[in-house]
């Protein structure tokens, strides 16, 4: 069984299309968990209307500590062996869930399976096509502009037991919790890219993710995360990764940061070899 988890707060604009996206998959082995953070709009009213007619829809509504906390609640409640997340404003391509079940039947546990994803703007025009086919940690640490990261959870699924090895989502991370999870997951799981389009991600103006990247904070946060995971590599790999990042990423600030980091790493390597 697949458990699709949707965290939501005051999502009345999109909750009905989100519910329909899972219903229209015509998947007999799915449960859809809606984890609501105590919405004050019509979100719960709409969920109740659908849950009365579709038994695979289950929901809870209570205050939480943010999106990561809601995601973790869903994982704890999930009955499926396979986990997928569908944010309230995103949707699946047709027949994705049945296809995912088919793929996972032949995979070891834990596996992390990634498809491709369309990225749409507010006007409904295709903005980007995300094809993340290089998923080793060392490849991801070169940055999303070099090797695209999986951009949205509507296009990836994994065994629930993966959390037994790497823990849950970081409740103190409210922006990059998915990338932080992916960096941990690819070090443990059997990773597979399926060259099919599975997900659709709407980049909605005014959402926290768009505002974060537009302010420049998203880029800073992404680099800090890359740097943190790079520091967990053996020292020679740290140096190699930093130098490749420097060579393959062009923004001046990134180059300056990476130059300083390479100098520090080389000094540490000399000390360790002395």
C-alpha atoms as a PDB file:
ATOM      1  CA  UNK A   1       0.000   0.000   0.000  1.00  0.00           C
ATOM      2  CA  UNK A   2       1.014   3.606  -0.653  1.00  0.00           C
ATOM      3  CA  UNK A   3       0.308   6.290   1.909  1.00  0.00           C
ATOM      4  CA  UNK A   4       0.059   9.761   0.372  1.00  0.00           C
ATOM      5  CA  UNK A   5       0.477  12.474   3.002  1.00  0.00           C
ATOM      6  CA  UNK A   6      -0.760  16.037   2.490  1.00  0.00           C
ATOM      7  CA  UNK A   7       0.166  18.649   5.095  1.00  0.00           C
ATOM      8  CA  UNK A   8      -2.140  21.669   4.871  1.00  0.00           C
ATOM      9  CA  UNK A   9      -3.090  24.862   6.639  1.00  0.00           C
ATOM     10  CA  UNK A  10      -5.840  27.145   5.308  1.00  0.00           C
ATOM     11  CA  UNK A  11      -5.677  25.463   1.913  1.00  0.00           C
ATOM     12  CA  UNK A  12      -9.285  25.779   0.749  1.00  0.00           C
ATOM     13  CA  UNK A  13      -8.146  27.077  -2.665  1.00  0.00           C
ATOM     14  CA  UNK A  14      -6.386  23.818  -3.551  1.00  0.00           C
ATOM     15  CA  UNK A  15      -7.585  21.080  -1.210  1.00  0.00           C
ATOM     16  CA  UNK A  16     -10.375  19.847  -3.512  1.00  0.00           C
ATOM     17  CA  UNK A  17      -8.116  19.469  -6.598  1.00  0.00           C
ATOM     18  CA  UNK A  18      -5.547  17.776  -4.346  1.00  0.00           C
ATOM     19  CA  UNK A  19      -8.094  15.222  -3.138  1.00  0.00           C
ATOM     20  CA  UNK A  20      -9.287  14.661  -6.694  1.00  0.00           C
ATOM     21  CA  UNK A  21      -5.713  14.137  -7.897  1.00  0.00           C
ATOM     22  CA  UNK A  22      -5.435  11.052  -5.670  1.00  0.00           C
ATOM     23  CA  UNK A  23      -8.996   9.852  -6.349  1.00  0.00           C
ATOM     24  CA  UNK A  24      -8.424  10.003 -10.108  1.00  0.00           C
ATOM     25  CA  UNK A  25      -5.395   7.729  -9.793  1.00  0.00           C
ATOM     26  CA  UNK A  26      -7.856   4.833  -9.491  1.00  0.00           C
ATOM     27  CA  UNK A  27      -5.426   3.092  -7.170  1.00  0.00           C
ATOM     28  CA  UNK A  28      -6.944   0.427  -4.937  1.00  0.00           C
ATOM     29  CA  UNK A  29      -3.904   0.285  -2.648  1.00  0.00           C
ATOM     30  CA  UNK A  30      -3.704   3.871  -1.390  1.00  0.00           C
ATOM     31  CA  UNK A  31      -4.603   5.830   1.703  1.00  0.00           C
ATOM     32  CA  UNK A  32      -4.590   9.624   1.624  1.00  0.00           C
ATOM     33  CA  UNK A  33      -3.743  11.219   4.963  1.00  0.00           C
ATOM     34  CA  UNK A  34      -4.552  14.918   5.321  1.00  0.00           C
ATOM     35  CA  UNK A  35      -2.634  16.481   8.209  1.00  0.00           C
ATOM     36  CA  UNK A  36      -4.250  19.842   8.877  1.00  0.00           C
ATOM     37  CA  UNK A  37      -2.661  22.404  11.170  1.00  0.00           C
ATOM     38  CA  UNK A  38      -5.926  23.791  12.528  1.00  0.00           C
ATOM     39  CA  UNK A  39      -7.265  25.639   9.495  1.00  0.00           C
ATOM     40  CA  UNK A  40      -9.713  28.501  10.030  1.00  0.00           C
ATOM     41  CA  UNK A  41     -11.059  28.538   6.462  1.00  0.00           C
ATOM     42  CA  UNK A  42     -13.205  25.910   4.647  1.00  0.00           C
ATOM     43  CA  UNK A  43     -10.401  23.331   4.366  1.00  0.00           C
ATOM     44  CA  UNK A  44     -11.875  20.893   6.914  1.00  0.00           C
ATOM     45  CA  UNK A  45     -15.391  21.287   5.556  1.00  0.00           C
ATOM     46  CA  UNK A  46     -14.206  20.265   2.086  1.00  0.00           C
ATOM     47  CA  UNK A  47     -12.145  17.352   3.428  1.00  0.00           C
ATOM     48  CA  UNK A  48     -15.129  16.027   5.388  1.00  0.00           C
ATOM     49  CA  UNK A  49     -17.341  16.121   2.304  1.00  0.00           C
ATOM     50  CA  UNK A  50     -14.908  13.927   0.378  1.00  0.00           C
ATOM     51  CA  UNK A  51     -13.995  11.653   3.308  1.00  0.00           C
ATOM     52  CA  UNK A  52     -17.690  10.756   3.699  1.00  0.00           C
ATOM     53  CA  UNK A  53     -17.661   9.276   0.181  1.00  0.00           C
ATOM     54  CA  UNK A  54     -14.084   7.990  -0.176  1.00  0.00           C
ATOM     55  CA  UNK A  55     -12.859   5.741   2.667  1.00  0.00           C
ATOM     56  CA  UNK A  56      -9.214   5.997   1.608  1.00  0.00           C
ATOM     57  CA  UNK A  57      -9.229   9.647   2.797  1.00  0.00           C
ATOM     58  CA  UNK A  58      -8.321  10.086   6.457  1.00  0.00           C
ATOM     59  CA  UNK A  59      -7.568  13.296   8.268  1.00  0.00           C
ATOM     60  CA  UNK A  60      -6.573  14.960  11.517  1.00  0.00           C
ATOM     61  CA  UNK A  61      -6.741  18.648  12.404  1.00  0.00           C
ATOM     62  CA  UNK A  62      -4.719  20.140  15.240  1.00  0.00           C
ATOM     63  CA  UNK A  63      -2.082  22.781  15.798  1.00  0.00           C
ATOM     64  CA  UNK A  64       1.446  21.753  14.879  1.00  0.00           C
ATOM     65  CA  UNK A  65       4.980  23.154  14.805  1.00  0.00           C
ATOM     66  CA  UNK A  66       4.999  23.663  11.048  1.00  0.00           C
ATOM     67  CA  UNK A  67       5.218  21.615   7.863  1.00  0.00           C
ATOM     68  CA  UNK A  68       7.949  19.221   9.028  1.00  0.00           C
ATOM     69  CA  UNK A  69       5.997  18.398  12.179  1.00  0.00           C
ATOM     70  CA  UNK A  70       2.868  17.732  10.096  1.00  0.00           C
ATOM     71  CA  UNK A  71       4.852  15.473   7.765  1.00  0.00           C
ATOM     72  CA  UNK A  72       6.203  13.489  10.703  1.00  0.00           C
ATOM     73  CA  UNK A  73       2.693  13.053  12.114  1.00  0.00           C
ATOM     74  CA  UNK A  74       1.618  11.616   8.779  1.00  0.00           C
ATOM     75  CA  UNK A  75       4.520   9.180   8.720  1.00  0.00           C
ATOM     76  CA  UNK A  76       3.639   7.924  12.206  1.00  0.00           C
ATOM     77  CA  UNK A  77       0.002   7.389  11.182  1.00  0.00           C
ATOM     78  CA  UNK A  78       0.797   5.828   7.795  1.00  0.00           C
ATOM     79  CA  UNK A  79      -0.268   2.246   7.170  1.00  0.00           C
ATOM     80  CA  UNK A  80       1.422   1.919   3.779  1.00  0.00           C
ATOM     81  CA  UNK A  81       4.888   0.504   3.267  1.00  0.00           C
ATOM     82  CA  UNK A  82       5.509   3.188   0.640  1.00  0.00           C
ATOM     83  CA  UNK A  83       5.362   6.892   1.461  1.00  0.00           C
ATOM     84  CA  UNK A  84       4.625   9.794  -0.872  1.00  0.00           C
ATOM     85  CA  UNK A  85       3.958  13.449  -0.116  1.00  0.00           C
ATOM     86  CA  UNK A  86       1.544  15.566  -2.111  1.00  0.00           C
ATOM     87  CA  UNK A  87       1.518  19.219  -1.134  1.00  0.00           C
ATOM     88  CA  UNK A  88      -1.940  20.733  -1.293  1.00  0.00           C
ATOM     89  CA  UNK A  89      -1.211  22.830  -4.410  1.00  0.00           C
ATOM     90  CA  UNK A  90       0.493  20.059  -6.408  1.00  0.00           C
ATOM     91  CA  UNK A  91      -0.841  17.063  -8.362  1.00  0.00           C
ATOM     92  CA  UNK A  92       0.102  13.757  -9.986  1.00  0.00           C
ATOM     93  CA  UNK A  93       0.204  12.701 -13.593  1.00  0.00           C
ATOM     94  CA  UNK A  94      -2.354   9.973 -14.483  1.00  0.00           C
ATOM     95  CA  UNK A  95      -1.751   6.418 -13.171  1.00  0.00           C
ATOM     96  CA  UNK A  96       1.373   7.333 -11.203  1.00  0.00           C
ATOM     97  CA  UNK A  97       0.437   5.498  -8.008  1.00  0.00           C
ATOM     98  CA  UNK A  98      -0.221   2.181  -9.750  1.00  0.00           C
ATOM     99  CA  UNK A  99       3.053   2.601 -11.618  1.00  0.00           C
ATOM    100  CA  UNK A 100       4.901   3.256  -8.358  1.00  0.00           C
ATOM    101  CA  UNK A 101       3.465   0.085  -6.819  1.00  0.00           C
ATOM    102  CA  UNK A 102       4.667  -1.854  -9.861  1.00  0.00           C
ATOM    103  CA  UNK A 103       8.196  -0.414  -9.612  1.00  0.00           C
ATOM    104  CA  UNK A 104       8.536  -1.059  -5.870  1.00  0.00           C
ATOM    105  CA  UNK A 105       7.577  -4.738  -6.147  1.00  0.00           C
ATOM    106  CA  UNK A 106      11.047  -5.601  -7.426  1.00  0.00           C
ATOM    107  CA  UNK A 107      13.070  -3.283  -5.184  1.00  0.00           C
ATOM    108  CA  UNK A 108      14.850  -3.978  -1.887  1.00  0.00           C
ATOM    109  CA  UNK A 109      14.023  -2.134   1.302  1.00  0.00           C
ATOM    110  CA  UNK A 110      14.622   0.676   1.838  1.00  0.00           C
ATOM    111  CA  UNK A 111      14.388   2.168  -1.647  1.00  0.00           C
ATOM    112  CA  UNK A 112      14.042   5.779  -2.757  1.00  0.00           C
ATOM    113  CA  UNK A 113      12.552   6.174  -6.240  1.00  0.00           C
ATOM    114  CA  UNK A 114      12.511   9.457  -8.138  1.00  0.00           C
ATOM    115  CA  UNK A 115      10.597  10.420 -11.276  1.00  0.00           C
ATOM    116  CA  UNK A 116      10.548  13.661 -13.253  1.00  0.00           C
ATOM    117  CA  UNK A 117       8.463  16.707 -12.400  1.00  0.00           C
ATOM    118  CA  UNK A 118       6.826  19.583 -14.279  1.00  0.00           C
ATOM    119  CA  UNK A 119       7.092  23.030 -12.701  1.00  0.00           C
ATOM    120  CA  UNK A 120       4.236  25.434 -13.496  1.00  0.00           C
ATOM    121  CA  UNK A 121       3.849  29.149 -12.883  1.00  0.00           C
ATOM    122  CA  UNK A 122       0.726  30.970 -11.717  1.00  0.00           C
ATOM    123  CA  UNK A 123      -0.455  31.417 -15.297  1.00  0.00           C
ATOM    124  CA  UNK A 124      -0.403  27.659 -15.901  1.00  0.00           C
ATOM    125  CA  UNK A 125       2.620  27.790 -18.186  1.00  0.00           C
ATOM    126  CA  UNK A 126       5.424  25.258 -17.970  1.00  0.00           C
ATOM    127  CA  UNK A 127       8.333  27.013 -16.290  1.00  0.00           C
ATOM    128  CA  UNK A 128      10.787  24.165 -15.844  1.00  0.00           C
ATOM    129  CA  UNK A 129      11.184  20.414 -16.287  1.00  0.00           C
ATOM    130  CA  UNK A 130      12.952  18.687 -13.411  1.00  0.00           C
ATOM    131  CA  UNK A 131      14.848  15.521 -14.395  1.00  0.00           C
ATOM    132  CA  UNK A 132      17.025  14.556 -11.407  1.00  0.00           C
ATOM    133  CA  UNK A 133      18.938  11.547 -12.714  1.00  0.00           C
ATOM    134  CA  UNK A 134      22.201  11.987 -10.780  1.00  0.00           C
ATOM    135  CA  UNK A 135      21.375  11.154  -7.203  1.00  0.00           C
ATOM    136  CA  UNK A 136      24.587  10.168  -5.425  1.00  0.00           C
ATOM    137  CA  UNK A 137      25.352  12.470  -2.519  1.00  0.00           C
ATOM    138  CA  UNK A 138      28.597  13.665  -4.106  1.00  0.00           C
ATOM    139  CA  UNK A 139      26.661  14.577  -7.262  1.00  0.00           C
ATOM    140  CA  UNK A 140      23.929  16.426  -5.370  1.00  0.00           C
ATOM    141  CA  UNK A 141      26.537  18.390  -3.407  1.00  0.00           C
ATOM    142  CA  UNK A 142      27.680  20.051  -6.636  1.00  0.00           C
ATOM    143  CA  UNK A 143      24.496  22.128  -6.470  1.00  0.00           C
ATOM    144  CA  UNK A 144      21.081  22.035  -8.107  1.00  0.00           C
ATOM    145  CA  UNK A 145      22.247  24.063 -11.087  1.00  0.00           C
ATOM    146  CA  UNK A 146      24.781  21.349 -11.951  1.00  0.00           C
ATOM    147  CA  UNK A 147      22.873  18.215 -10.968  1.00  0.00           C
ATOM    148  CA  UNK A 148      19.186  19.003 -10.372  1.00  0.00           C
ATOM    149  CA  UNK A 149      17.833  17.938  -7.016  1.00  0.00           C
ATOM    150  CA  UNK A 150      14.397  16.304  -6.855  1.00  0.00           C
ATOM    151  CA  UNK A 151      12.382  19.514  -6.779  1.00  0.00           C
ATOM    152  CA  UNK A 152       9.070  18.331  -5.393  1.00  0.00           C
ATOM    153  CA  UNK A 153       7.789  15.279  -3.472  1.00  0.00           C
ATOM    154  CA  UNK A 154       4.969  14.704  -5.949  1.00  0.00           C
ATOM    155  CA  UNK A 155       7.628  12.975  -8.058  1.00  0.00           C
ATOM    156  CA  UNK A 156       9.358  10.738  -5.502  1.00  0.00           C
ATOM    157  CA  UNK A 157       8.394   7.869  -3.210  1.00  0.00           C
ATOM    158  CA  UNK A 158      10.223   5.706  -0.686  1.00  0.00           C
ATOM    159  CA  UNK A 159       9.845   2.855   1.772  1.00  0.00           C
ATOM    160  CA  UNK A 160       8.548   4.038   5.148  1.00  0.00           C
ATOM    161  CA  UNK A 161      11.228   1.945   6.865  1.00  0.00           C
ATOM    162  CA  UNK A 162      13.838   4.363   5.520  1.00  0.00           C
ATOM    163  CA  UNK A 163      12.979   6.592   8.480  1.00  0.00           C
ATOM    164  CA  UNK A 164      14.065   3.827  10.850  1.00  0.00           C
ATOM    165  CA  UNK A 165      17.620   4.390   9.630  1.00  0.00           C
ATOM    166  CA  UNK A 166      17.786   8.145   9.008  1.00  0.00           C
ATOM    167  CA  UNK A 167      15.161   9.576  11.339  1.00  0.00           C
ATOM    168  CA  UNK A 168      12.209  11.814  10.530  1.00  0.00           C
ATOM    169  CA  UNK A 169      12.071  15.283   8.978  1.00  0.00           C
ATOM    170  CA  UNK A 170      13.821  18.054  10.892  1.00  0.00           C
ATOM    171  CA  UNK A 171      11.069  19.982  12.728  1.00  0.00           C
ATOM    172  CA  UNK A 172      13.395  22.967  13.115  1.00  0.00           C
ATOM    173  CA  UNK A 173      13.784  23.240   9.318  1.00  0.00           C
ATOM    174  CA  UNK A 174      10.837  25.018   7.703  1.00  0.00           C
ATOM    175  CA  UNK A 175      12.171  25.570   4.180  1.00  0.00           C
ATOM    176  CA  UNK A 176      14.715  22.945   3.093  1.00  0.00           C
ATOM    177  CA  UNK A 177      13.396  19.951   5.046  1.00  0.00           C
ATOM    178  CA  UNK A 178      12.954  17.962   1.822  1.00  0.00           C
ATOM    179  CA  UNK A 179      16.522  18.488   0.571  1.00  0.00           C
ATOM    180  CA  UNK A 180      17.899  17.723   4.017  1.00  0.00           C
ATOM    181  CA  UNK A 181      15.904  14.464   3.947  1.00  0.00           C
ATOM    182  CA  UNK A 182      17.107  13.615   0.416  1.00  0.00           C
ATOM    183  CA  UNK A 183      20.769  14.153   1.357  1.00  0.00           C
ATOM    184  CA  UNK A 184      20.316  11.654   4.190  1.00  0.00           C
ATOM    185  CA  UNK A 185      18.171   9.226   2.191  1.00  0.00           C
ATOM    186  CA  UNK A 186      20.539   8.738  -0.747  1.00  0.00           C
ATOM    187  CA  UNK A 187      23.323   7.640   1.601  1.00  0.00           C
ATOM    188  CA  UNK A 188      21.277   4.716   2.921  1.00  0.00           C
ATOM    189  CA  UNK A 189      18.588   3.726   0.430  1.00  0.00           C
ATOM    190  CA  UNK A 190      18.670   1.861  -2.842  1.00  0.00           C
ATOM    191  CA  UNK A 191      18.206   4.843  -5.170  1.00  0.00           C
ATOM    192  CA  UNK A 192      16.537   4.611  -8.562  1.00  0.00           C
ATOM    193  CA  UNK A 193      15.567   7.242 -11.124  1.00  0.00           C
ATOM    194  CA  UNK A 194      12.613   6.426 -13.392  1.00  0.00           C
ATOM    195  CA  UNK A 195      12.698   8.536 -16.535  1.00  0.00           C
ATOM    196  CA  UNK A 196       8.950   9.231 -16.485  1.00  0.00           C
ATOM    197  CA  UNK A 197       7.038  12.349 -15.495  1.00  0.00           C
ATOM    198  CA  UNK A 198       5.202  11.696 -12.240  1.00  0.00           C
ATOM    199  CA  UNK A 199       4.648  15.017 -10.498  1.00  0.00           C
ATOM    200  CA  UNK A 200       3.433  18.555 -11.064  1.00  0.00           C
ATOM    201  CA  UNK A 201       4.659  21.390  -8.875  1.00  0.00           C
ATOM    202  CA  UNK A 202       2.931  24.778  -8.868  1.00  0.00           C
ATOM    203  CA  UNK A 203       5.229  27.685  -7.997  1.00  0.00           C
ATOM    204  CA  UNK A 204       2.602  29.959  -6.496  1.00  0.00           C
ATOM    205  CA  UNK A 205       3.381  33.637  -5.963  1.00  0.00           C
ATOM    206  CA  UNK A 206       3.396  34.616  -2.310  1.00  0.00           C
ATOM    207  CA  UNK A 207       4.192  31.164  -0.916  1.00  0.00           C
ATOM    208  CA  UNK A 208       7.006  30.837   1.598  1.00  0.00           C
ATOM    209  CA  UNK A 209       9.268  28.970  -0.835  1.00  0.00           C
ATOM    210  CA  UNK A 210       9.009  31.598  -3.575  1.00  0.00           C
ATOM    211  CA  UNK A 211       9.481  34.476  -1.138  1.00  0.00           C
ATOM    212  CA  UNK A 212      12.461  32.710   0.427  1.00  0.00           C
ATOM    213  CA  UNK A 213      14.289  32.265  -2.888  1.00  0.00           C
ATOM    214  CA  UNK A 214      13.371  35.725  -4.146  1.00  0.00           C
ATOM    215  CA  UNK A 215      14.881  37.302  -1.035  1.00  0.00           C
ATOM    216  CA  UNK A 216      18.122  35.405  -1.576  1.00  0.00           C
ATOM    217  CA  UNK A 217      17.740  33.506   1.687  1.00  0.00           C
ATOM    218  CA  UNK A 218      16.875  30.287  -0.139  1.00  0.00           C
ATOM    219  CA  UNK A 219      20.192  30.277  -2.001  1.00  0.00           C
ATOM    220  CA  UNK A 220      22.100  30.952   1.221  1.00  0.00           C
ATOM    221  CA  UNK A 221      20.243  28.189   3.010  1.00  0.00           C
ATOM    222  CA  UNK A 222      20.862  25.751   0.165  1.00  0.00           C
ATOM    223  CA  UNK A 223      24.581  26.453   0.147  1.00  0.00           C
ATOM    224  CA  UNK A 224      24.779  26.107   3.947  1.00  0.00           C
ATOM    225  CA  UNK A 225      23.107  22.699   3.677  1.00  0.00           C
ATOM    226  CA  UNK A 226      25.508  21.598   0.932  1.00  0.00           C
ATOM    227  CA  UNK A 227      28.427  22.795   3.021  1.00  0.00           C
ATOM    228  CA  UNK A 228      27.196  20.932   6.112  1.00  0.00           C
ATOM    229  CA  UNK A 229      26.856  17.617   4.271  1.00  0.00           C
ATOM    230  CA  UNK A 230      30.137  18.152   2.441  1.00  0.00           C
ATOM    231  CA  UNK A 231      31.890  18.411   5.802  1.00  0.00           C
ATOM    232  CA  UNK A 232      30.691  14.891   6.629  1.00  0.00           C
ATOM    233  CA  UNK A 233      32.694  13.426   3.725  1.00  0.00           C
ATOM    234  CA  UNK A 234      36.265  12.120   4.120  1.00  0.00           C
ATOM    235  CA  UNK A 235      38.661  15.060   3.901  1.00  0.00           C
ATOM    236  CA  UNK A 236      40.017  14.317   0.380  1.00  0.00           C
ATOM    237  CA  UNK A 237      36.419  14.098  -0.909  1.00  0.00           C
ATOM    238  CA  UNK A 238      35.608  17.381   0.833  1.00  0.00           C
ATOM    239  CA  UNK A 239      38.381  19.076  -1.093  1.00  0.00           C
ATOM    240  CA  UNK A 240      37.390  17.468  -4.387  1.00  0.00           C
ATOM    241  CA  UNK A 241      33.721  18.388  -3.870  1.00  0.00           C
ATOM    242  CA  UNK A 242      34.508  21.987  -2.969  1.00  0.00           C
ATOM    243  CA  UNK A 243      36.813  22.426  -5.973  1.00  0.00           C
ATOM    244  CA  UNK A 244      34.222  20.975  -8.363  1.00  0.00           C
ATOM    245  CA  UNK A 245      31.567  23.232  -6.898  1.00  0.00           C
ATOM    246  CA  UNK A 246      33.921  26.176  -7.498  1.00  0.00           C
ATOM    247  CA  UNK A 247      34.559  25.131 -11.105  1.00  0.00           C
ATOM    248  CA  UNK A 248      30.961  24.370 -12.044  1.00  0.00           C
ATOM    249  CA  UNK A 249      29.097  27.205 -10.334  1.00  0.00           C
ATOM    250  CA  UNK A 250      29.635  30.668 -11.758  1.00  0.00           C
ATOM    251  CA  UNK A 251      28.180  33.234  -9.314  1.00  0.00           C
ATOM    252  CA  UNK A 252      30.981  35.356  -7.907  1.00  0.00           C
ATOM    253  CA  UNK A 253      29.942  35.006  -4.277  1.00  0.00           C
ATOM    254  CA  UNK A 254      29.851  31.218  -4.560  1.00  0.00           C
ATOM    255  CA  UNK A 255      33.329  31.237  -6.087  1.00  0.00           C
ATOM    256  CA  UNK A 256      34.699  33.430  -3.311  1.00  0.00           C
ATOM    257  CA  UNK A 257      33.127  31.280  -0.596  1.00  0.00           C
ATOM    258  CA  UNK A 258      34.405  28.070  -2.146  1.00  0.00           C
ATOM    259  CA  UNK A 259      37.951  29.392  -2.649  1.00  0.00           C
ATOM    260  CA  UNK A 260      38.181  30.164   1.058  1.00  0.00           C
ATOM    261  CA  UNK A 261      36.769  26.763   1.915  1.00  0.00           C
ATOM    262  CA  UNK A 262      39.249  24.931  -0.336  1.00  0.00           C
ATOM    263  CA  UNK A 263      42.149  26.775   1.318  1.00  0.00           C
ATOM    264  CA  UNK A 264      40.909  25.747   4.771  1.00  0.00           C
ATOM    265  CA  UNK A 265      40.417  22.132   3.691  1.00  0.00           C
ATOM    266  CA  UNK A 266      43.894  21.915   2.186  1.00  0.00           C
ATOM    267  CA  UNK A 267      45.355  23.229   5.437  1.00  0.00           C
ATOM    268  CA  UNK A 268      43.459  20.578   7.389  1.00  0.00           C
ATOM    269  CA  UNK A 269      44.680  17.880   5.010  1.00  0.00           C
ATOM    270  CA  UNK A 270      48.315  18.941   5.482  1.00  0.00           C
ATOM    271  CA  UNK A 271      47.903  18.846   9.253  1.00  0.00           C
ATOM    272  CA  UNK A 272      46.308  15.391   9.155  1.00  0.00           C
ATOM    273  CA  UNK A 273      49.146  14.040   6.984  1.00  0.00           C
ATOM    274  CA  UNK A 274      51.895  15.542   9.136  1.00  0.00           C
END
